């Protein structure tokens, strides 16, 4: 006998949000690992002693974390998820009778409290310290950088006026003239045949973003360089930073900064660092040896100075082969973040805001 749907829903429901979170759900395993009391303690100096009670700061952080885990790419979409996703409501701690907040709640709290406080970086460092304390982090690490698209387009790039001759500047302005039929929000900008570089052009949308590519024949994108330091045992990121794109220099200088910062903040000393051929440069290799770190870096066919030869000899060891095999894991991390967690394109603008988003 074919069943039919019940057209008369019940007037009352006796439910618990936790019953919608299955035992094998990833959120079920992640939620107990988050110390909300510690978040409240760190946020306490950012709030006044008087006035109306605020939204609990730990719930804001849980909502942002849950959004990244679910691949939500905007704050408006995050509010929609909080409205209808019962698992996310359970994760954040909102019961069925509580309305989710307005999307501007996140941006206003970042602007007024969190962006310049260094809170996210402190939470990240404490998480790394906990992993080291529990013997989850290895002294053998891997460095790698990736390009992440900025929240700006090629059309937002205009010449830096001080480097243009007056006639060239007038010609550029005429080329930007819009006819009434054009969309003012998306004007037609023709830059075919016009030389464009980071030395002559700047984005009006995000001045910190630069024209960037990996130099392998791909088209330039507007983006940032994100550097990561991963320990090789459990592929945990123990350091991350964002740099304005400056070619390979942004990866090598950013990598050195990650190693120095790790040594300053944690007791564990990095013994070896694996990386690809992009790091096979004399200044970077010399810097690693000065820090008593063995560079297990893929060698190029160029470069025959003493430091290059020393790295090539390290390339014949078992440790080098293990490091190069582990090196692929950080590329998997970048791929997972870009495919599943909204890391392919930054949502925020400006180097300081983008760094917070990366952390």
Protein backbone atom coordinates (compact mmCIF):
# COMPACT_ATOMS: atom_id res chain seq x y z
CA UNK A 1 0.00 0.00 0.00
CA UNK A 2 1.45 3.38 -1.01
CA UNK A 3 1.88 5.76 1.92
CA UNK A 4 0.95 9.43 1.98
CA UNK A 5 2.49 12.40 3.74
CA UNK A 6 0.78 13.72 6.83
CA UNK A 7 -0.74 17.12 5.95
CA UNK A 8 -1.29 18.02 9.59
CA UNK A 9 2.03 18.66 11.39
CA UNK A 10 2.24 18.32 15.13
CA UNK A 11 1.71 21.41 17.24
CA UNK A 12 4.48 20.57 19.71
CA UNK A 13 7.81 18.79 19.25
CA UNK A 14 9.97 17.41 22.03
CA UNK A 15 13.46 17.36 20.52
CA UNK A 16 17.06 17.90 21.51
CA UNK A 17 19.55 19.40 19.04
CA UNK A 18 22.13 16.77 19.94
CA UNK A 19 19.95 14.02 18.52
CA UNK A 20 20.53 15.49 15.03
CA UNK A 21 24.33 15.12 15.37
CA UNK A 22 25.29 11.55 14.58
CA UNK A 23 28.07 9.88 16.53
CA UNK A 24 30.35 9.74 13.48
CA UNK A 25 29.80 13.38 12.47
CA UNK A 26 33.10 15.35 12.32
CA UNK A 27 31.56 18.18 14.36
CA UNK A 28 30.91 15.69 17.17
CA UNK A 29 34.65 15.01 17.42
CA UNK A 30 35.84 18.59 16.95
CA UNK A 31 33.57 20.37 19.41
CA UNK A 32 35.00 18.84 22.64
CA UNK A 33 38.50 19.96 21.60
CA UNK A 34 37.60 23.67 21.75
CA UNK A 35 38.23 25.37 25.09
CA UNK A 36 35.50 28.01 25.21
CA UNK A 37 36.52 29.09 28.72
CA UNK A 38 39.96 30.03 27.40
CA UNK A 39 38.38 32.07 24.60
CA UNK A 40 36.27 33.98 27.15
CA UNK A 41 39.36 34.67 29.27
CA UNK A 42 41.32 36.07 26.33
CA UNK A 43 38.37 38.18 25.16
CA UNK A 44 37.56 39.66 28.57
CA UNK A 45 39.89 42.72 28.24
CA UNK A 46 38.17 43.62 24.93
CA UNK A 47 34.77 44.25 26.56
CA UNK A 48 33.56 47.04 28.84
CA UNK A 49 32.40 46.39 32.39
CA UNK A 50 29.11 48.24 31.87
CA UNK A 51 26.40 48.30 29.23
CA UNK A 52 24.18 45.65 27.72
CA UNK A 53 25.39 42.04 27.70
CA UNK A 54 27.07 41.19 24.40
CA UNK A 55 26.84 38.10 22.27
CA UNK A 56 29.13 35.55 23.93
CA UNK A 57 32.49 35.85 22.12
CA UNK A 58 33.03 32.09 22.15
CA UNK A 59 29.84 31.67 20.12
CA UNK A 60 31.15 34.11 17.49
CA UNK A 61 34.36 32.10 17.18
CA UNK A 62 32.50 28.80 17.06
CA UNK A 63 30.26 30.17 14.29
CA UNK A 64 33.25 31.32 12.23
CA UNK A 65 35.05 28.01 12.75
CA UNK A 66 31.93 26.04 11.87
CA UNK A 67 31.50 28.16 8.74
CA UNK A 68 35.03 27.38 7.57
CA UNK A 69 34.57 23.68 8.27
CA UNK A 70 31.39 23.69 6.19
CA UNK A 71 32.93 25.75 3.37
CA UNK A 72 30.63 28.75 3.90
CA UNK A 73 32.08 31.63 1.91
CA UNK A 74 30.25 34.70 3.27
CA UNK A 75 28.78 36.00 6.49
CA UNK A 76 25.28 36.28 5.02
CA UNK A 77 25.49 32.62 4.01
CA UNK A 78 26.74 31.80 7.51
CA UNK A 79 23.63 33.42 9.03
CA UNK A 80 21.45 31.35 6.67
CA UNK A 81 23.26 28.21 7.82
CA UNK A 82 22.75 29.18 11.46
CA UNK A 83 19.04 29.56 10.71
CA UNK A 84 18.45 26.14 9.16
CA UNK A 85 21.44 23.90 9.93
CA UNK A 86 20.70 22.12 13.20
CA UNK A 87 24.22 20.63 13.43
CA UNK A 88 25.78 24.08 13.20
CA UNK A 89 23.33 25.41 15.80
CA UNK A 90 24.39 22.62 18.16
CA UNK A 91 28.07 23.32 17.43
CA UNK A 92 27.70 27.04 18.23
CA UNK A 93 25.39 26.55 21.21
CA UNK A 94 22.22 28.21 19.86
CA UNK A 95 18.98 26.59 20.91
CA UNK A 96 15.91 26.46 18.70
CA UNK A 97 14.29 29.47 20.38
CA UNK A 98 17.26 31.80 19.74
CA UNK A 99 17.40 33.77 16.50
CA UNK A 100 20.80 33.96 14.76
CA UNK A 101 22.55 37.31 14.73
CA UNK A 102 22.71 39.80 11.90
CA UNK A 103 25.57 39.31 9.45
CA UNK A 104 27.05 42.69 10.44
CA UNK A 105 27.71 41.32 13.93
CA UNK A 106 30.82 39.53 12.65
CA UNK A 107 32.27 42.49 10.74
CA UNK A 108 31.59 44.98 13.55
CA UNK A 109 33.21 42.76 16.18
CA UNK A 110 36.27 42.27 13.99
CA UNK A 111 36.54 45.99 13.33
CA UNK A 112 36.07 47.09 16.93
CA UNK A 113 37.68 44.26 18.88
CA UNK A 114 39.43 41.38 17.23
CA UNK A 115 41.43 42.55 14.20
CA UNK A 116 44.19 44.43 16.03
CA UNK A 117 44.12 42.39 19.24
CA UNK A 118 46.20 39.46 17.93
CA UNK A 119 43.65 37.13 19.51
CA UNK A 120 43.43 34.65 16.63
CA UNK A 121 47.21 34.33 16.45
CA UNK A 122 47.37 33.72 20.19
CA UNK A 123 44.75 30.99 19.97
CA UNK A 124 46.64 29.41 17.06
CA UNK A 125 49.94 29.46 19.00
CA UNK A 126 48.32 27.92 22.08
CA UNK A 127 46.89 25.15 19.92
CA UNK A 128 50.36 24.44 18.50
CA UNK A 129 51.86 24.49 22.02
CA UNK A 130 49.27 21.94 23.13
CA UNK A 131 50.15 19.67 20.21
CA UNK A 132 53.85 19.90 21.13
CA UNK A 133 53.10 19.16 24.78
CA UNK A 134 51.18 16.03 23.79
CA UNK A 135 54.08 14.83 21.58
CA UNK A 136 52.08 15.23 18.36
CA UNK A 137 54.60 17.50 16.61
CA UNK A 138 57.84 16.35 15.00
CA UNK A 139 61.11 18.34 14.85
CA UNK A 140 61.16 17.61 11.11
CA UNK A 141 59.14 20.14 9.14
CA UNK A 142 58.16 21.22 5.65
CA UNK A 143 57.89 24.69 4.12
CA UNK A 144 55.65 25.62 1.22
CA UNK A 145 53.90 28.64 -0.17
CA UNK A 146 50.72 29.00 -2.19
CA UNK A 147 48.94 31.80 -3.98
CA UNK A 148 45.48 32.74 -2.74
CA UNK A 149 43.29 35.00 -4.82
CA UNK A 150 42.49 38.40 -3.36
CA UNK A 151 39.03 39.92 -3.21
CA UNK A 152 39.85 42.26 -6.09
CA UNK A 153 39.77 42.10 -9.88
CA UNK A 154 42.15 43.05 -12.67
CA UNK A 155 39.83 45.94 -13.50
CA UNK A 156 40.64 47.56 -10.18
CA UNK A 157 44.28 48.17 -11.21
CA UNK A 158 45.11 51.73 -12.21
CA UNK A 159 48.47 53.32 -12.99
CA UNK A 160 50.46 54.83 -10.16
CA UNK A 161 50.14 58.40 -11.32
CA UNK A 162 53.55 59.65 -10.27
CA UNK A 163 55.33 57.38 -12.74
CA UNK A 164 53.27 58.46 -15.77
CA UNK A 165 54.02 61.26 -18.16
CA UNK A 166 51.18 63.82 -18.40
CA UNK A 167 50.18 62.71 -21.90
CA UNK A 168 50.14 59.04 -20.84
CA UNK A 169 48.01 59.86 -17.80
CA UNK A 170 45.48 61.78 -19.93
CA UNK A 171 45.35 58.87 -22.37
CA UNK A 172 44.71 56.44 -19.51
CA UNK A 173 41.91 58.60 -18.09
CA UNK A 174 40.23 58.84 -21.51
CA UNK A 175 40.34 55.06 -21.81
CA UNK A 176 38.39 54.78 -18.55
CA UNK A 177 35.60 57.09 -19.70
CA UNK A 178 32.29 55.30 -19.44
CA UNK A 179 29.40 55.61 -21.84
CA UNK A 180 25.88 55.84 -20.32
CA UNK A 181 25.08 52.32 -21.54
CA UNK A 182 27.77 50.75 -19.38
CA UNK A 183 27.19 49.23 -16.00
CA UNK A 184 28.78 51.60 -13.46
CA UNK A 185 29.43 48.70 -11.10
CA UNK A 186 31.26 46.68 -13.75
CA UNK A 187 32.64 49.08 -16.35
CA UNK A 188 34.40 47.96 -19.49
CA UNK A 189 38.15 48.43 -19.02
CA UNK A 190 40.40 47.55 -21.95
CA UNK A 191 44.05 46.99 -21.07
CA UNK A 192 45.07 44.80 -24.01
CA UNK A 193 48.65 45.59 -25.01
CA UNK A 194 49.18 47.83 -21.98
CA UNK A 195 52.21 46.88 -19.86
CA UNK A 196 51.04 46.22 -16.30
CA UNK A 197 53.24 45.41 -13.31
CA UNK A 198 53.29 45.88 -9.57
CA UNK A 199 55.79 48.71 -10.03
CA UNK A 200 53.48 50.74 -12.25
CA UNK A 201 49.95 49.73 -11.19
CA UNK A 202 48.03 49.39 -7.93
CA UNK A 203 44.59 48.03 -7.07
CA UNK A 204 42.06 50.58 -5.86
CA UNK A 205 40.03 47.80 -4.21
CA UNK A 206 42.86 46.21 -2.20
CA UNK A 207 46.17 48.12 -2.47
CA UNK A 208 48.05 45.34 -0.62
CA UNK A 209 47.10 42.73 -3.25
CA UNK A 210 49.53 42.30 -6.15
CA UNK A 211 49.63 40.76 -9.61
CA UNK A 212 51.04 37.31 -8.98
CA UNK A 213 51.85 34.03 -10.70
CA UNK A 214 54.12 31.04 -10.19
CA UNK A 215 56.09 31.70 -13.35
CA UNK A 216 55.05 28.44 -15.02
CA UNK A 217 53.22 30.02 -17.93
CA UNK A 218 49.93 30.55 -16.11
CA UNK A 219 48.08 33.85 -16.26
CA UNK A 220 48.65 36.40 -13.53
CA UNK A 221 46.12 36.60 -10.73
CA UNK A 222 45.46 39.23 -8.08
CA UNK A 223 46.47 37.64 -4.83
CA UNK A 224 48.69 37.10 -1.82
CA UNK A 225 51.43 34.62 -0.95
CA UNK A 226 50.51 32.35 1.97
CA UNK A 227 53.39 30.48 3.61
CA UNK A 228 52.93 27.43 5.79
CA UNK A 229 55.23 25.48 8.12
CA UNK A 230 54.06 21.88 8.65
CA UNK A 231 55.48 19.26 10.97
CA UNK A 232 55.89 15.95 9.16
CA UNK A 233 54.51 13.42 11.65
CA UNK A 234 50.81 14.32 11.64
CA UNK A 235 50.90 17.09 8.97
CA UNK A 236 49.91 19.75 11.50
CA UNK A 237 50.41 23.36 10.43
CA UNK A 238 52.58 24.89 13.15
CA UNK A 239 53.00 28.27 11.47
CA UNK A 240 51.25 30.33 8.81
CA UNK A 241 51.70 33.85 7.50
CA UNK A 242 50.60 36.00 4.57
CA UNK A 243 52.93 38.18 2.49
CA UNK A 244 52.40 40.62 -0.33
CA UNK A 245 53.56 38.90 -3.51
CA UNK A 246 57.23 39.62 -4.36
CA UNK A 247 58.04 36.57 -6.43
CA UNK A 248 60.10 33.84 -4.78
CA UNK A 249 61.33 36.36 -2.20
CA UNK A 250 57.93 36.41 -0.50
CA UNK A 251 58.12 32.62 -0.01
CA UNK A 252 61.74 32.46 1.17
CA UNK A 253 61.59 35.47 3.49
CA UNK A 254 58.20 34.37 4.78
CA UNK A 255 59.58 30.87 5.38
CA UNK A 256 62.53 32.18 7.38
CA UNK A 257 60.15 34.31 9.44
CA UNK A 258 57.99 31.26 10.20
CA UNK A 259 60.97 29.27 11.47
CA UNK A 260 62.23 32.15 13.63
CA UNK A 261 58.76 32.78 15.05
CA UNK A 262 58.31 29.09 15.84
CA UNK A 263 61.63 28.97 17.73
CA UNK A 264 60.74 32.12 19.68
CA UNK A 265 57.33 30.87 20.80
CA UNK A 266 57.89 27.14 21.37
CA UNK A 267 60.43 24.92 23.09
CA UNK A 268 60.73 22.46 20.19
CA UNK A 269 63.69 23.05 17.84
CA UNK A 270 63.25 22.32 14.15
CA UNK A 271 66.01 20.01 12.94
CA UNK A 272 65.25 19.58 9.24
CA UNK A 273 63.15 21.46 6.69
CA UNK A 274 61.94 19.96 3.43
CA UNK A 275 60.90 22.11 0.48
CA UNK A 276 60.69 22.19 -3.30
CA UNK A 277 63.20 23.58 -5.80
CA UNK A 278 61.92 27.12 -5.38
CA UNK A 279 63.83 27.34 -2.09
CA UNK A 280 67.15 26.19 -3.60
CA UNK A 281 68.74 29.63 -3.35
CA UNK A 282 72.00 30.56 -1.64
CA UNK A 283 70.59 33.19 0.80
CA UNK A 284 67.86 30.87 2.02
CA UNK A 285 70.11 27.81 2.35
CA UNK A 286 72.76 29.85 4.19
CA UNK A 287 70.11 31.18 6.57
CA UNK A 288 68.98 27.64 7.42
CA UNK A 289 72.52 26.45 8.14
CA UNK A 290 73.07 29.47 10.41
CA UNK A 291 69.97 28.38 12.36
CA UNK A 292 71.40 24.83 12.63
CA UNK A 293 68.58 23.50 10.45
CA UNK A 294 69.38 20.89 7.78
CA UNK A 295 67.77 21.84 4.44
CA UNK A 296 66.25 18.76 2.80
CA UNK A 297 65.44 20.76 -0.33
CA UNK A 298 65.09 19.49 -3.88
CA UNK A 299 68.16 20.59 -5.85
CA UNK A 300 68.19 22.44 -9.15
CA UNK A 301 70.66 21.78 -11.92
CA UNK A 302 72.01 25.32 -11.44
CA UNK A 303 74.04 26.63 -8.51
CA UNK A 304 77.46 25.17 -7.75
CA UNK A 305 78.69 27.09 -4.74
CA UNK A 306 79.74 25.35 -1.54
CA UNK A 307 76.33 25.69 0.09
CA UNK A 308 74.61 24.18 -2.96
CA UNK A 309 77.01 21.24 -2.97
CA UNK A 310 76.41 20.68 0.73
CA UNK A 311 72.65 20.48 0.15
CA UNK A 312 73.17 18.06 -2.75
CA UNK A 313 75.13 15.77 -0.45
CA UNK A 314 72.24 15.86 2.03
CA UNK A 315 70.05 14.78 -0.88
CA UNK A 316 71.70 11.36 -0.81
CA UNK A 317 70.58 10.57 2.74
CA UNK A 318 67.57 8.59 3.94
CA UNK A 319 66.33 11.65 5.85
CA UNK A 320 66.15 13.64 2.61
CA UNK A 321 64.07 10.95 0.90
CA UNK A 322 61.67 10.83 3.85
CA UNK A 323 61.40 14.63 3.90
CA UNK A 324 60.62 14.80 0.18
CA UNK A 325 57.95 12.16 0.57
CA UNK A 326 56.40 14.10 3.49
CA UNK A 327 56.60 17.33 1.48
CA UNK A 328 53.59 16.31 -0.59
CA UNK A 329 51.42 16.43 2.52
CA UNK A 330 51.49 20.20 2.80
CA UNK A 331 50.35 20.50 -0.80
CA UNK A 332 47.44 18.24 0.14
CA UNK A 333 46.64 20.64 2.99
CA UNK A 334 46.52 23.60 0.59
CA UNK A 335 44.32 21.60 -1.77
CA UNK A 336 41.89 20.61 0.96
CA UNK A 337 41.68 24.17 2.27
CA UNK A 338 40.98 25.56 -1.20
CA UNK A 339 38.48 22.89 -2.24
CA UNK A 340 36.53 22.48 0.99
CA UNK A 341 37.12 25.43 3.32
CA UNK A 342 36.88 28.57 1.18
CA UNK A 343 40.64 29.21 1.00
CA UNK A 344 40.74 29.60 -2.77
CA UNK A 345 39.80 33.29 -2.47
CA UNK A 346 40.05 35.62 0.49
CA UNK A 347 36.86 37.37 1.53
CA UNK A 348 38.48 40.25 3.37
CA UNK A 349 40.73 43.02 2.05
CA UNK A 350 43.99 44.43 3.32
CA UNK A 351 47.06 42.58 4.57
CA UNK A 352 46.12 42.75 8.27
CA UNK A 353 42.58 41.47 7.69
CA UNK A 354 43.75 38.77 5.28
CA UNK A 355 46.27 37.48 7.83
CA UNK A 356 43.51 37.06 10.39
CA UNK A 357 41.41 35.18 7.84
CA UNK A 358 44.30 32.84 7.02
CA UNK A 359 44.91 32.04 10.69
